[in-house]
């Protein structure tokens, strides 16, 4: 699943209502938090994850996208 597809899946689960409606605020909270994490772990132009890096003897190494975080999210959602 691409990053955009994953965000679209999450956005489809968010209940849309008026700003003064508090009923959906509790329902949407987990989806909004998940969307924030997915937005942080977006792929960059080199194919790496924007948020994930590991340190090696040569310095930081950017992990490829999808990183372990995105893989775990996709595993639980599918």
C-alpha atoms as a PDB file:
ATOM      1  CA  UNK A   1       0.000   0.000   0.000  1.00  0.00           C
ATOM      2  CA  UNK A   2       1.397   3.414  -0.885  1.00  0.00           C
ATOM      3  CA  UNK A   3       1.614   6.264   1.599  1.00  0.00           C
ATOM      4  CA  UNK A   4      -1.263   8.083  -0.123  1.00  0.00           C
ATOM      5  CA  UNK A   5      -3.409   4.930  -0.115  1.00  0.00           C
ATOM      6  CA  UNK A   6      -2.768   4.437   3.596  1.00  0.00           C
ATOM      7  CA  UNK A   7      -3.719   8.046   4.356  1.00  0.00           C
ATOM      8  CA  UNK A   8      -6.851   7.705   2.207  1.00  0.00           C
ATOM      9  CA  UNK A   9      -7.836   4.540   4.098  1.00  0.00           C
ATOM     10  CA  UNK A  10      -7.447   6.340   7.432  1.00  0.00           C
ATOM     11  CA  UNK A  11      -9.258   9.451   6.198  1.00  0.00           C
ATOM     12  CA  UNK A  12     -12.188   7.307   5.058  1.00  0.00           C
ATOM     13  CA  UNK A  13     -12.580   6.029   8.627  1.00  0.00           C
ATOM     14  CA  UNK A  14     -12.782   9.528  10.137  1.00  0.00           C
ATOM     15  CA  UNK A  15     -16.344  10.675  10.788  1.00  0.00           C
ATOM     16  CA  UNK A  16     -16.991  14.112   9.316  1.00  0.00           C
ATOM     17  CA  UNK A  17     -19.362  16.418  11.139  1.00  0.00           C
ATOM     18  CA  UNK A  18     -19.757  20.007  12.298  1.00  0.00           C
ATOM     19  CA  UNK A  19     -16.908  21.477  14.377  1.00  0.00           C
ATOM     20  CA  UNK A  20     -19.203  21.889  17.379  1.00  0.00           C
ATOM     21  CA  UNK A  21     -20.192  18.201  17.299  1.00  0.00           C
ATOM     22  CA  UNK A  22     -18.468  16.448  20.194  1.00  0.00           C
ATOM     23  CA  UNK A  23     -19.949  13.016  19.538  1.00  0.00           C
ATOM     24  CA  UNK A  24     -17.474  12.204  16.777  1.00  0.00           C
ATOM     25  CA  UNK A  25     -14.491  13.751  18.545  1.00  0.00           C
ATOM     26  CA  UNK A  26     -14.030  10.646  20.720  1.00  0.00           C
ATOM     27  CA  UNK A  27     -14.655   8.306  17.816  1.00  0.00           C
ATOM     28  CA  UNK A  28     -12.107  10.098  15.624  1.00  0.00           C
ATOM     29  CA  UNK A  29      -9.315  10.468  18.194  1.00  0.00           C
ATOM     30  CA  UNK A  30      -7.573   7.118  17.470  1.00  0.00           C
ATOM     31  CA  UNK A  31      -7.802   7.667  13.706  1.00  0.00           C
ATOM     32  CA  UNK A  32      -6.459  11.215  13.991  1.00  0.00           C
ATOM     33  CA  UNK A  33      -3.535  10.005  16.101  1.00  0.00           C
ATOM     34  CA  UNK A  34      -2.798   7.222  13.613  1.00  0.00           C
ATOM     35  CA  UNK A  35      -2.943   9.696  10.730  1.00  0.00           C
ATOM     36  CA  UNK A  36      -0.421  11.927  12.516  1.00  0.00           C
ATOM     37  CA  UNK A  37       2.012   9.001  12.849  1.00  0.00           C
ATOM     38  CA  UNK A  38       1.570   8.006   9.197  1.00  0.00           C
ATOM     39  CA  UNK A  39       2.162  11.616   8.109  1.00  0.00           C
ATOM     40  CA  UNK A  40       5.441  11.687  10.066  1.00  0.00           C
ATOM     41  CA  UNK A  41       6.619   8.470   8.395  1.00  0.00           C
ATOM     42  CA  UNK A  42       6.159   9.608   4.809  1.00  0.00           C
ATOM     43  CA  UNK A  43       8.611   8.583   2.105  1.00  0.00           C
ATOM     44  CA  UNK A  44      11.111  11.125   0.859  1.00  0.00           C
ATOM     45  CA  UNK A  45      12.402  11.616  -2.669  1.00  0.00           C
ATOM     46  CA  UNK A  46      15.117   8.955  -2.210  1.00  0.00           C
ATOM     47  CA  UNK A  47      12.681   6.220  -1.117  1.00  0.00           C
ATOM     48  CA  UNK A  48      13.558   6.413   2.557  1.00  0.00           C
ATOM     49  CA  UNK A  49      11.326   7.069   5.543  1.00  0.00           C
ATOM     50  CA  UNK A  50      11.400  10.710   6.602  1.00  0.00           C
ATOM     51  CA  UNK A  51      11.297   9.853  10.328  1.00  0.00           C
ATOM     52  CA  UNK A  52      13.403   6.691  10.659  1.00  0.00           C
ATOM     53  CA  UNK A  53      17.129   6.345  10.789  1.00  0.00           C
ATOM     54  CA  UNK A  54      19.572   3.991  12.436  1.00  0.00           C
ATOM     55  CA  UNK A  55      23.086   4.806  13.523  1.00  0.00           C
ATOM     56  CA  UNK A  56      25.948   2.792  12.116  1.00  0.00           C
ATOM     57  CA  UNK A  57      29.711   3.185  12.421  1.00  0.00           C
ATOM     58  CA  UNK A  58      29.568   5.459   9.380  1.00  0.00           C
ATOM     59  CA  UNK A  59      26.841   7.664  10.888  1.00  0.00           C
ATOM     60  CA  UNK A  60      23.076   7.832  10.402  1.00  0.00           C
ATOM     61  CA  UNK A  61      21.438   5.502   7.895  1.00  0.00           C
ATOM     62  CA  UNK A  62      17.937   6.325   6.659  1.00  0.00           C
ATOM     63  CA  UNK A  63      15.628   3.317   6.685  1.00  0.00           C
ATOM     64  CA  UNK A  64      13.780   2.496   3.468  1.00  0.00           C
ATOM     65  CA  UNK A  65      10.044   3.106   3.141  1.00  0.00           C
ATOM     66  CA  UNK A  66       7.914   1.364   4.272  1.00  0.00           C
ATOM     67  CA  UNK A  67       9.633   1.405   7.645  1.00  0.00           C
ATOM     68  CA  UNK A  68       8.778  -0.963  10.488  1.00  0.00           C
ATOM     69  CA  UNK A  69       6.225   1.500  11.867  1.00  0.00           C
ATOM     70  CA  UNK A  70       4.278   1.682   8.605  1.00  0.00           C
ATOM     71  CA  UNK A  71       4.536  -2.090   8.132  1.00  0.00           C
ATOM     72  CA  UNK A  72       3.062  -2.646  11.615  1.00  0.00           C
ATOM     73  CA  UNK A  73       0.211  -0.218  10.933  1.00  0.00           C
ATOM     74  CA  UNK A  74      -0.598  -1.850   7.586  1.00  0.00           C
ATOM     75  CA  UNK A  75      -0.505  -5.320   9.169  1.00  0.00           C
ATOM     76  CA  UNK A  76      -3.089  -4.336  11.776  1.00  0.00           C
ATOM     77  CA  UNK A  77      -5.377  -2.493   9.373  1.00  0.00           C
ATOM     78  CA  UNK A  78      -5.574  -5.096   6.615  1.00  0.00           C
END
